[in-house]
Amino acid sequence: MRRLFPVTEETAPRAAAGGPDEEEAGGAAAQAGSARGEGREWSLAELAAAYAYPEAAQGAPQPWLRANMVSSLDGAAQHEGRSQPLSSAADMRIFGTLRALADVVLVGAETVRQEGYRPARVRTEFAAARAAAGQDPVPAVAIVSASLELDFSLPLFTSPLVPTLLLTGATAAPDRIAAAERAGARVLVAGEGAGVEPVRAIRALAGLGHTRLLTEGGPRLLGQLIAADVLDELCLTLSPTLTAGGAQRIAGGPAVAVPHRFALASLLEEDGFLFGRYRRP
């Protein structure tokens, strides 16, 4: 893993080698880079520091919603309906780190079905930090679903360490709400009609004390969050793969009236994969 941006004294020397003593300088730069963690697998603590949530201002903590998505070079968010073929070992380490930092993972019902979602697991490496931050041992999973047509016999409902949350609209079928609650899920109404309103969903989660928010999509949910202008940060893995076909982009749905401009916060690289963080400017 190496840091490409922001450029600091840690990254600049690698680009400075050249001239008559290029080989010697390059060797020295490589040794310095190795000592700084470039060219080796970063520890989970280093990844956690690189992806830390913004420091909360004084007063009531404000929710911060980040998304974590992967895309191929030609813009595909999935291959044969799943994101895993686009991923890598480094991407999965970052995926696990982002989950370990979050209070709650927000996900669409279709992604739960397609990706075979399971409850978040305890990561012993993060246990002390989560306890010190006043977090539960694992993040809750919050599923956005208008119909609540989910399989409540799945481990996501039968064996989570913290109850799974369901965000739905006010007109959700009472029998599906009852079935969800019998399965141990907590149902939150976050919309006047059948669908979920992103602003109300974020407010409902923050009302439970969940202010460090992470969404893993899918594309339809991410598109809704973008359209509602509630997304604060995008963590995007650019996979060095080409898929062609008609796969979805990372965000779907209607286009916004004016493109939302985000600023590059950091860029890491490993094995040709680029890991970017983009924030509201």
C-alpha atoms as a PDB file:
ATOM      1  CA  MET A   1       0.000   0.000   0.000  1.00  0.00           C
ATOM      2  CA  ARG A   2       1.302   3.459  -0.826  1.00  0.00           C
ATOM      3  CA  ARG A   3      -0.140   6.931  -0.453  1.00  0.00           C
ATOM      4  CA  LEU A   4      -0.352   8.940  -3.658  1.00  0.00           C
ATOM      5  CA  PHE A   5      -2.298  11.919  -2.276  1.00  0.00           C
ATOM      6  CA  PRO A   6      -1.961  14.117  -0.369  1.00  0.00           C
ATOM      7  CA  VAL A   7       1.686  14.495  -1.312  1.00  0.00           C
ATOM      8  CA  THR A   8       3.788  14.877   1.818  1.00  0.00           C
ATOM      9  CA  GLU A   9       7.394  14.322   2.812  1.00  0.00           C
ATOM     10  CA  GLU A  10       6.461  10.637   2.879  1.00  0.00           C
ATOM     11  CA  THR A  11       5.458  10.460  -0.769  1.00  0.00           C
ATOM     12  CA  ALA A  12       7.611  13.116  -2.440  1.00  0.00           C
ATOM     13  CA  PRO A  13      11.017  11.369  -2.140  1.00  0.00           C
ATOM     14  CA  ARG A  14       9.868   8.450  -4.287  1.00  0.00           C
ATOM     15  CA  ALA A  15       9.276  10.814  -7.192  1.00  0.00           C
ATOM     16  CA  ALA A  16      12.510  12.725  -6.645  1.00  0.00           C
ATOM     17  CA  ALA A  17      14.973  10.019  -7.755  1.00  0.00           C
ATOM     18  CA  GLY A  18      16.789  10.828 -11.010  1.00  0.00           C
ATOM     19  CA  GLY A  19      19.947  12.138 -12.590  1.00  0.00           C
ATOM     20  CA  PRO A  20      23.316  10.370 -12.697  1.00  0.00           C
ATOM     21  CA  ASP A  21      22.801   8.674  -9.369  1.00  0.00           C
ATOM     22  CA  GLU A  22      19.286   7.534 -10.191  1.00  0.00           C
ATOM     23  CA  GLU A  23      19.869   3.892  -9.273  1.00  0.00           C
ATOM     24  CA  GLU A  24      21.401   4.770  -5.902  1.00  0.00           C
ATOM     25  CA  ALA A  25      18.776   7.411  -5.180  1.00  0.00           C
ATOM     26  CA  GLY A  26      16.014   5.056  -6.226  1.00  0.00           C
ATOM     27  CA  GLY A  27      17.318   2.388  -3.865  1.00  0.00           C
ATOM     28  CA  ALA A  28      17.453   4.865  -1.001  1.00  0.00           C
ATOM     29  CA  ALA A  29      13.951   6.065  -1.775  1.00  0.00           C
ATOM     30  CA  ALA A  30      12.700   2.480  -1.876  1.00  0.00           C
ATOM     31  CA  GLN A  31      14.231   1.792   1.533  1.00  0.00           C
ATOM     32  CA  ALA A  32      12.659   4.955   2.927  1.00  0.00           C
ATOM     33  CA  GLY A  33       9.327   4.030   1.389  1.00  0.00           C
ATOM     34  CA  SER A  34       9.489   0.564   2.930  1.00  0.00           C
ATOM     35  CA  ALA A  35      10.134   2.080   6.348  1.00  0.00           C
ATOM     36  CA  ARG A  36       7.058   4.296   5.906  1.00  0.00           C
ATOM     37  CA  GLY A  37       4.806   1.415   4.919  1.00  0.00           C
ATOM     38  CA  GLU A  38       4.941   1.795   1.133  1.00  0.00           C
ATOM     39  CA  GLY A  39       5.225  -1.538  -0.633  1.00  0.00           C
ATOM     40  CA  ARG A  40       3.883  -3.494   2.340  1.00  0.00           C
ATOM     41  CA  GLU A  41       0.476  -4.329   3.719  1.00  0.00           C
ATOM     42  CA  TRP A  42      -0.746  -1.572   5.998  1.00  0.00           C
ATOM     43  CA  SER A  43      -1.857  -2.570   9.472  1.00  0.00           C
ATOM     44  CA  LEU A  44      -5.493  -2.208  10.424  1.00  0.00           C
ATOM     45  CA  ALA A  45      -4.500   0.605  12.792  1.00  0.00           C
ATOM     46  CA  GLU A  46      -2.896   2.496   9.892  1.00  0.00           C
ATOM     47  CA  LEU A  47      -5.989   2.011   7.749  1.00  0.00           C
ATOM     48  CA  ALA A  48      -8.218   3.137  10.622  1.00  0.00           C
ATOM     49  CA  ALA A  49      -6.182   6.321  10.983  1.00  0.00           C
ATOM     50  CA  ALA A  50      -6.327   6.953   7.233  1.00  0.00           C
ATOM     51  CA  TYR A  51     -10.117   6.539   7.169  1.00  0.00           C
ATOM     52  CA  ALA A  52     -11.036   8.121  10.501  1.00  0.00           C
ATOM     53  CA  TYR A  53     -14.329   9.987  10.623  1.00  0.00           C
ATOM     54  CA  PRO A  54     -14.065  13.764  11.006  1.00  0.00           C
ATOM     55  CA  GLU A  55     -13.684  14.992  14.553  1.00  0.00           C
ATOM     56  CA  ALA A  56     -17.079  15.948  15.944  1.00  0.00           C
ATOM     57  CA  ALA A  57     -17.566  19.620  16.697  1.00  0.00           C
ATOM     58  CA  GLN A  58     -18.593  20.699  20.172  1.00  0.00           C
ATOM     59  CA  GLY A  59     -22.240  20.124  20.951  1.00  0.00           C
ATOM     60  CA  ALA A  60     -24.466  17.360  19.636  1.00  0.00           C
ATOM     61  CA  PRO A  61     -22.567  15.141  17.142  1.00  0.00           C
ATOM     62  CA  GLN A  62     -23.751  15.610  13.576  1.00  0.00           C
ATOM     63  CA  PRO A  63     -24.277  12.585  11.329  1.00  0.00           C
ATOM     64  CA  TRP A  64     -21.614  11.936   8.692  1.00  0.00           C
ATOM     65  CA  LEU A  65     -22.602   9.619   5.846  1.00  0.00           C
ATOM     66  CA  ARG A  66     -19.894   7.972   3.803  1.00  0.00           C
ATOM     67  CA  ALA A  67     -20.357   5.500   0.981  1.00  0.00           C
ATOM     68  CA  ASN A  68     -17.994   2.661   0.101  1.00  0.00           C
ATOM     69  CA  MET A  69     -18.240   1.409  -3.465  1.00  0.00           C
ATOM     70  CA  VAL A  70     -16.104  -0.352  -6.072  1.00  0.00           C
ATOM     71  CA  SER A  71     -16.032   0.283  -9.802  1.00  0.00           C
ATOM     72  CA  SER A  72     -14.280  -1.315 -12.765  1.00  0.00           C
ATOM     73  CA  LEU A  73     -12.265   0.833 -15.169  1.00  0.00           C
ATOM     74  CA  ASP A  74     -15.232   0.902 -17.541  1.00  0.00           C
ATOM     75  CA  GLY A  75     -17.697   1.981 -14.850  1.00  0.00           C
ATOM     76  CA  ALA A  76     -19.297  -1.288 -13.743  1.00  0.00           C
ATOM     77  CA  ALA A  77     -20.319  -1.577 -10.088  1.00  0.00           C
ATOM     78  CA  GLN A  78     -20.964  -5.312 -10.374  1.00  0.00           C
ATOM     79  CA  HIS A  79     -20.088  -8.355 -12.441  1.00  0.00           C
ATOM     80  CA  GLU A  80     -22.839 -10.936 -12.839  1.00  0.00           C
ATOM     81  CA  GLY A  81     -24.823  -9.135 -10.144  1.00  0.00           C
ATOM     82  CA  ARG A  82     -22.122  -9.039  -7.464  1.00  0.00           C
ATOM     83  CA  SER A  83     -19.342  -6.634  -6.535  1.00  0.00           C
ATOM     84  CA  GLN A  84     -16.942  -9.311  -5.230  1.00  0.00           C
ATOM     85  CA  PRO A  85     -15.361 -10.107  -8.646  1.00  0.00           C
ATOM     86  CA  LEU A  86     -14.133  -6.496  -8.819  1.00  0.00           C
ATOM     87  CA  SER A  87     -12.555  -6.582  -5.355  1.00  0.00           C
ATOM     88  CA  SER A  88      -9.124  -7.490  -3.980  1.00  0.00           C
ATOM     89  CA  ALA A  89      -7.507  -8.396  -0.672  1.00  0.00           C
ATOM     90  CA  ALA A  90      -6.634  -4.741  -0.008  1.00  0.00           C
ATOM     91  CA  ASP A  91     -10.175  -3.667  -0.909  1.00  0.00           C
ATOM     92  CA  MET A  92     -11.576  -6.178   1.582  1.00  0.00           C
ATOM     93  CA  ARG A  93      -9.219  -4.918   4.320  1.00  0.00           C
ATOM     94  CA  ILE A  94     -10.514  -1.396   3.734  1.00  0.00           C
ATOM     95  CA  PHE A  95     -14.088  -2.714   3.588  1.00  0.00           C
ATOM     96  CA  GLY A  96     -13.624  -4.330   7.012  1.00  0.00           C
ATOM     97  CA  THR A  97     -11.951  -1.226   8.433  1.00  0.00           C
ATOM     98  CA  LEU A  98     -14.750   1.072   7.282  1.00  0.00           C
ATOM     99  CA  ARG A  99     -17.295  -1.229   8.903  1.00  0.00           C
ATOM    100  CA  ALA A 100     -15.288  -1.316  12.114  1.00  0.00           C
ATOM    101  CA  LEU A 101     -15.293   2.491  12.277  1.00  0.00           C
ATOM    102  CA  ALA A 102     -19.033   2.877  11.651  1.00  0.00           C
ATOM    103  CA  ASP A 103     -21.993   2.946  14.030  1.00  0.00           C
ATOM    104  CA  VAL A 104     -24.328   1.557  11.391  1.00  0.00           C
ATOM    105  CA  VAL A 105     -24.147   0.128   7.865  1.00  0.00           C
ATOM    106  CA  LEU A 106     -26.959   1.360   5.606  1.00  0.00           C
ATOM    107  CA  VAL A 107     -27.832  -0.922   2.710  1.00  0.00           C
ATOM    108  CA  GLY A 108     -30.611  -1.469   0.197  1.00  0.00           C
ATOM    109  CA  ALA A 109     -32.816  -4.552   0.362  1.00  0.00           C
ATOM    110  CA  GLU A 110     -31.846  -5.750  -3.135  1.00  0.00           C
ATOM    111  CA  THR A 111     -28.161  -5.628  -2.210  1.00  0.00           C
ATOM    112  CA  VAL A 112     -28.925  -7.693   0.897  1.00  0.00           C
ATOM    113  CA  ARG A 113     -30.535 -10.307  -1.336  1.00  0.00           C
ATOM    114  CA  GLN A 114     -27.877 -10.320  -4.060  1.00  0.00           C
ATOM    115  CA  GLU A 115     -24.772 -10.123  -1.886  1.00  0.00           C
ATOM    116  CA  GLY A 116     -25.933 -12.560   0.801  1.00  0.00           C
ATOM    117  CA  TYR A 117     -25.501 -10.075   3.640  1.00  0.00           C
ATOM    118  CA  ARG A 118     -24.631 -11.410   7.055  1.00  0.00           C
ATOM    119  CA  PRO A 119     -24.391  -9.656  10.445  1.00  0.00           C
ATOM    120  CA  ALA A 120     -21.255  -7.638  11.110  1.00  0.00           C
ATOM    121  CA  ARG A 121     -18.690  -9.668  13.030  1.00  0.00           C
ATOM    122  CA  VAL A 122     -16.579  -8.656  15.973  1.00  0.00           C
ATOM    123  CA  ARG A 123     -13.105  -7.501  15.010  1.00  0.00           C
ATOM    124  CA  THR A 124     -10.892  -7.951  18.062  1.00  0.00           C
ATOM    125  CA  GLU A 125      -8.373  -5.465  16.620  1.00  0.00           C
ATOM    126  CA  PHE A 126     -10.993  -2.721  16.911  1.00  0.00           C
ATOM    127  CA  ALA A 127     -12.720  -3.791  20.133  1.00  0.00           C
ATOM    128  CA  ALA A 128     -10.904  -1.378  22.446  1.00  0.00           C
ATOM    129  CA  ALA A 129     -11.312   1.580  20.092  1.00  0.00           C
ATOM    130  CA  ARG A 130     -15.039   0.923  19.677  1.00  0.00           C
ATOM    131  CA  ALA A 131     -15.521   0.639  23.420  1.00  0.00           C
ATOM    132  CA  ALA A 132     -13.604   3.875  24.004  1.00  0.00           C
ATOM    133  CA  ALA A 133     -15.783   5.627  21.414  1.00  0.00           C
ATOM    134  CA  GLY A 134     -18.949   4.402  23.123  1.00  0.00           C
ATOM    135  CA  GLN A 135     -19.875   2.168  20.178  1.00  0.00           C
ATOM    136  CA  ASP A 136     -21.505  -1.258  20.225  1.00  0.00           C
ATOM    137  CA  PRO A 137     -19.129  -4.184  19.604  1.00  0.00           C
ATOM    138  CA  VAL A 138     -20.228  -4.220  15.950  1.00  0.00           C
ATOM    139  CA  PRO A 139     -22.124  -1.800  13.704  1.00  0.00           C
ATOM    140  CA  ALA A 140     -25.819  -2.407  13.243  1.00  0.00           C
ATOM    141  CA  VAL A 141     -27.032  -3.203   9.742  1.00  0.00           C
ATOM    142  CA  ALA A 142     -29.874  -0.915   8.616  1.00  0.00           C
ATOM    143  CA  ILE A 143     -31.822  -2.130   5.585  1.00  0.00           C
ATOM    144  CA  VAL A 144     -33.852   0.227   3.413  1.00  0.00           C
ATOM    145  CA  SER A 145     -36.960  -1.568   2.183  1.00  0.00           C
ATOM    146  CA  ALA A 146     -40.385  -0.324   1.111  1.00  0.00           C
ATOM    147  CA  SER A 147     -41.943  -3.790   0.899  1.00  0.00           C
ATOM    148  CA  LEU A 148     -40.106  -5.515   3.779  1.00  0.00           C
ATOM    149  CA  GLU A 149     -40.096  -8.616   1.562  1.00  0.00           C
ATOM    150  CA  LEU A 150     -37.041 -10.130   3.211  1.00  0.00           C
ATOM    151  CA  ASP A 151     -36.159 -13.595   4.431  1.00  0.00           C
ATOM    152  CA  PHE A 152     -36.356 -13.217   8.204  1.00  0.00           C
ATOM    153  CA  SER A 153     -34.831 -16.669   8.747  1.00  0.00           C
ATOM    154  CA  LEU A 154     -31.422 -15.390   7.562  1.00  0.00           C
ATOM    155  CA  PRO A 155     -28.588 -14.903  10.097  1.00  0.00           C
ATOM    156  CA  LEU A 156     -28.925 -11.142   9.576  1.00  0.00           C
ATOM    157  CA  PHE A 157     -32.119 -11.427  11.620  1.00  0.00           C
ATOM    158  CA  THR A 158     -31.640 -14.588  13.669  1.00  0.00           C
ATOM    159  CA  SER A 159     -28.117 -14.084  15.025  1.00  0.00           C
ATOM    160  CA  PRO A 160     -26.876 -10.469  14.929  1.00  0.00           C
ATOM    161  CA  LEU A 161     -24.920  -9.177  17.915  1.00  0.00           C
ATOM    162  CA  VAL A 162     -26.980  -5.987  17.726  1.00  0.00           C
ATOM    163  CA  PRO A 163     -30.525  -5.902  16.329  1.00  0.00           C
ATOM    164  CA  THR A 164     -30.875  -5.358  12.604  1.00  0.00           C
ATOM    165  CA  LEU A 165     -32.731  -2.150  11.726  1.00  0.00           C
ATOM    166  CA  LEU A 166     -35.344  -1.850   8.983  1.00  0.00           C
ATOM    167  CA  LEU A 167     -36.130   1.539   7.456  1.00  0.00           C
ATOM    168  CA  THR A 168     -39.441   1.675   5.626  1.00  0.00           C
ATOM    169  CA  GLY A 169     -42.344   3.959   4.761  1.00  0.00           C
ATOM    170  CA  ALA A 170     -45.501   4.709   6.698  1.00  0.00           C
ATOM    171  CA  THR A 171     -47.635   2.580   4.358  1.00  0.00           C
ATOM    172  CA  ALA A 172     -45.591  -0.610   4.806  1.00  0.00           C
ATOM    173  CA  ALA A 173     -47.780  -3.693   5.214  1.00  0.00           C
ATOM    174  CA  PRO A 174     -48.585  -4.269   8.914  1.00  0.00           C
ATOM    175  CA  ASP A 175     -48.105  -8.035   8.582  1.00  0.00           C
ATOM    176  CA  ARG A 176     -44.558  -7.541   7.234  1.00  0.00           C
ATOM    177  CA  ILE A 177     -43.758  -5.117  10.060  1.00  0.00           C
ATOM    178  CA  ALA A 178     -45.049  -7.679  12.566  1.00  0.00           C
ATOM    179  CA  ALA A 179     -42.992 -10.443  10.934  1.00  0.00           C
ATOM    180  CA  ALA A 180     -39.858  -8.293  11.075  1.00  0.00           C
ATOM    181  CA  GLU A 181     -40.376  -7.465  14.727  1.00  0.00           C
ATOM    182  CA  ARG A 182     -41.029 -11.118  15.597  1.00  0.00           C
ATOM    183  CA  ALA A 183     -37.683 -11.899  13.969  1.00  0.00           C
ATOM    184  CA  GLY A 184     -35.994  -9.411  16.324  1.00  0.00           C
ATOM    185  CA  ALA A 185     -35.549  -6.507  13.903  1.00  0.00           C
ATOM    186  CA  ARG A 186     -36.318  -2.929  14.873  1.00  0.00           C
ATOM    187  CA  VAL A 187     -38.545  -1.142  12.345  1.00  0.00           C
ATOM    188  CA  LEU A 188     -38.099   2.607  11.811  1.00  0.00           C
ATOM    189  CA  VAL A 189     -40.595   4.582   9.746  1.00  0.00           C
ATOM    190  CA  ALA A 190     -38.697   7.079   7.588  1.00  0.00           C
ATOM    191  CA  GLY A 191     -41.167   8.139   4.934  1.00  0.00           C
ATOM    192  CA  GLU A 192     -44.742   9.330   4.564  1.00  0.00           C
ATOM    193  CA  GLY A 193     -45.615   6.941   1.743  1.00  0.00           C
ATOM    194  CA  ALA A 194     -44.315   3.557   0.646  1.00  0.00           C
ATOM    195  CA  GLY A 195     -40.712   4.618   0.174  1.00  0.00           C
ATOM    196  CA  VAL A 196     -37.971   5.822   2.488  1.00  0.00           C
ATOM    197  CA  GLU A 197     -36.977   9.479   2.460  1.00  0.00           C
ATOM    198  CA  PRO A 198     -33.171   9.742   2.815  1.00  0.00           C
ATOM    199  CA  VAL A 199     -33.233  12.848   5.030  1.00  0.00           C
ATOM    200  CA  ARG A 200     -35.663  11.187   7.425  1.00  0.00           C
ATOM    201  CA  ALA A 201     -33.636   7.956   7.371  1.00  0.00           C
ATOM    202  CA  ILE A 202     -30.455   9.788   8.417  1.00  0.00           C
ATOM    203  CA  ARG A 203     -32.399  11.644  11.107  1.00  0.00           C
ATOM    204  CA  ALA A 204     -33.909   8.402  12.434  1.00  0.00           C
ATOM    205  CA  LEU A 205     -30.500   6.726  12.675  1.00  0.00           C
ATOM    206  CA  ALA A 206     -28.953   9.776  14.335  1.00  0.00           C
ATOM    207  CA  GLY A 207     -31.819   9.698  16.834  1.00  0.00           C
ATOM    208  CA  LEU A 208     -30.564   6.285  17.926  1.00  0.00           C
ATOM    209  CA  GLY A 209     -27.077   7.710  18.432  1.00  0.00           C
ATOM    210  CA  HIS A 210     -25.756   6.463  15.076  1.00  0.00           C
ATOM    211  CA  THR A 211     -23.827   9.415  13.657  1.00  0.00           C
ATOM    212  CA  ARG A 212     -20.919   7.582  11.981  1.00  0.00           C
ATOM    213  CA  LEU A 213     -22.841   6.239   9.024  1.00  0.00           C
ATOM    214  CA  LEU A 214     -21.629   3.968   6.231  1.00  0.00           C
ATOM    215  CA  THR A 215     -23.585   2.918   3.169  1.00  0.00           C
ATOM    216  CA  GLU A 216     -22.514   0.081   0.901  1.00  0.00           C
ATOM    217  CA  GLY A 217     -25.210   0.725  -1.678  1.00  0.00           C
ATOM    218  CA  GLY A 218     -26.408  -0.710  -3.861  1.00  0.00           C
ATOM    219  CA  PRO A 219     -26.536   1.646  -6.814  1.00  0.00           C
ATOM    220  CA  ARG A 220     -30.224   2.469  -6.445  1.00  0.00           C
ATOM    221  CA  LEU A 221     -29.882   3.449  -2.781  1.00  0.00           C
ATOM    222  CA  LEU A 222     -26.710   5.436  -3.426  1.00  0.00           C
ATOM    223  CA  GLY A 223     -28.470   7.293  -6.229  1.00  0.00           C
ATOM    224  CA  GLN A 224     -31.288   8.211  -3.854  1.00  0.00           C
ATOM    225  CA  LEU A 225     -28.824   9.453  -1.229  1.00  0.00           C
ATOM    226  CA  ILE A 226     -26.990  11.555  -3.817  1.00  0.00           C
ATOM    227  CA  ALA A 227     -30.240  13.009  -5.162  1.00  0.00           C
ATOM    228  CA  ALA A 228     -31.279  13.959  -1.613  1.00  0.00           C
ATOM    229  CA  ASP A 229     -27.860  15.611  -1.062  1.00  0.00           C
ATOM    230  CA  VAL A 230     -27.164  13.733   2.184  1.00  0.00           C
ATOM    231  CA  LEU A 231     -23.896  12.063   1.152  1.00  0.00           C
ATOM    232  CA  ASP A 232     -20.844  13.582   2.841  1.00  0.00           C
ATOM    233  CA  GLU A 233     -18.074  11.304   1.574  1.00  0.00           C
ATOM    234  CA  LEU A 234     -17.434   8.683  -1.101  1.00  0.00           C
ATOM    235  CA  CYS A 235     -14.789   6.000  -0.634  1.00  0.00           C
ATOM    236  CA  LEU A 236     -14.307   4.618  -4.140  1.00  0.00           C
ATOM    237  CA  THR A 237     -12.164   1.640  -5.098  1.00  0.00           C
ATOM    238  CA  LEU A 238     -11.162   1.783  -8.757  1.00  0.00           C
ATOM    239  CA  SER A 239     -10.547  -1.805  -9.803  1.00  0.00           C
ATOM    240  CA  PRO A 240      -8.051  -2.377 -12.655  1.00  0.00           C
ATOM    241  CA  THR A 241     -10.580  -4.548 -14.477  1.00  0.00           C
ATOM    242  CA  LEU A 242     -12.733  -4.281 -17.588  1.00  0.00           C
ATOM    243  CA  THR A 243     -16.115  -6.000 -17.717  1.00  0.00           C
ATOM    244  CA  ALA A 244     -18.090  -4.533 -20.666  1.00  0.00           C
ATOM    245  CA  GLY A 245     -21.739  -5.630 -20.597  1.00  0.00           C
ATOM    246  CA  GLY A 246     -24.608  -3.673 -19.135  1.00  0.00           C
ATOM    247  CA  ALA A 247     -23.731  -3.658 -15.438  1.00  0.00           C
ATOM    248  CA  GLN A 248     -24.977  -0.799 -13.273  1.00  0.00           C
ATOM    249  CA  ARG A 249     -22.816   2.157 -12.326  1.00  0.00           C
ATOM    250  CA  ILE A 250     -22.179   2.754  -8.618  1.00  0.00           C
ATOM    251  CA  ALA A 251     -25.187   5.092  -8.469  1.00  0.00           C
ATOM    252  CA  GLY A 252     -28.457   4.791 -10.368  1.00  0.00           C
ATOM    253  CA  GLY A 253     -31.775   6.578 -10.655  1.00  0.00           C
ATOM    254  CA  PRO A 254     -32.604  10.034 -12.016  1.00  0.00           C
ATOM    255  CA  ALA A 255     -29.794  12.493 -12.612  1.00  0.00           C
ATOM    256  CA  VAL A 256     -29.366  15.445 -10.270  1.00  0.00           C
ATOM    257  CA  ALA A 257     -30.092  18.875 -11.738  1.00  0.00           C
ATOM    258  CA  VAL A 258     -26.533  20.084 -11.162  1.00  0.00           C
ATOM    259  CA  PRO A 259     -23.616  17.649 -10.651  1.00  0.00           C
ATOM    260  CA  HIS A 260     -22.421  17.548  -7.042  1.00  0.00           C
ATOM    261  CA  ARG A 261     -18.739  18.455  -6.901  1.00  0.00           C
ATOM    262  CA  PHE A 262     -16.621  16.600  -4.322  1.00  0.00           C
ATOM    263  CA  ALA A 263     -12.959  17.188  -3.412  1.00  0.00           C
ATOM    264  CA  LEU A 264     -10.259  14.517  -3.349  1.00  0.00           C
ATOM    265  CA  ALA A 265      -9.206  13.928   0.275  1.00  0.00           C
ATOM    266  CA  SER A 266      -6.780  11.025  -0.161  1.00  0.00           C
ATOM    267  CA  LEU A 267      -5.633   8.426  -2.679  1.00  0.00           C
ATOM    268  CA  LEU A 268      -3.962   5.098  -1.900  1.00  0.00           C
ATOM    269  CA  GLU A 269      -2.711   2.392  -4.262  1.00  0.00           C
ATOM    270  CA  GLU A 270      -1.978  -1.317  -4.016  1.00  0.00           C
ATOM    271  CA  ASP A 271      -1.551  -3.862  -6.824  1.00  0.00           C
ATOM    272  CA  GLY A 272      -3.023  -1.454  -9.349  1.00  0.00           C
ATOM    273  CA  PHE A 273      -6.161  -0.777  -7.295  1.00  0.00           C
ATOM    274  CA  LEU A 274      -6.783   2.882  -6.438  1.00  0.00           C
ATOM    275  CA  PHE A 275      -8.564   3.753  -3.186  1.00  0.00           C
ATOM    276  CA  GLY A 276      -9.898   7.296  -3.261  1.00  0.00           C
ATOM    277  CA  ARG A 277     -11.742   9.371  -0.666  1.00  0.00           C
ATOM    278  CA  TYR A 278     -13.843  12.259  -1.880  1.00  0.00           C
ATOM    279  CA  ARG A 279     -15.574  14.735   0.452  1.00  0.00           C
ATOM    280  CA  ARG A 280     -17.874  17.666   0.261  1.00  0.00           C
ATOM    281  CA  PRO A 281     -15.668  20.710  -0.378  1.00  0.00           C
END
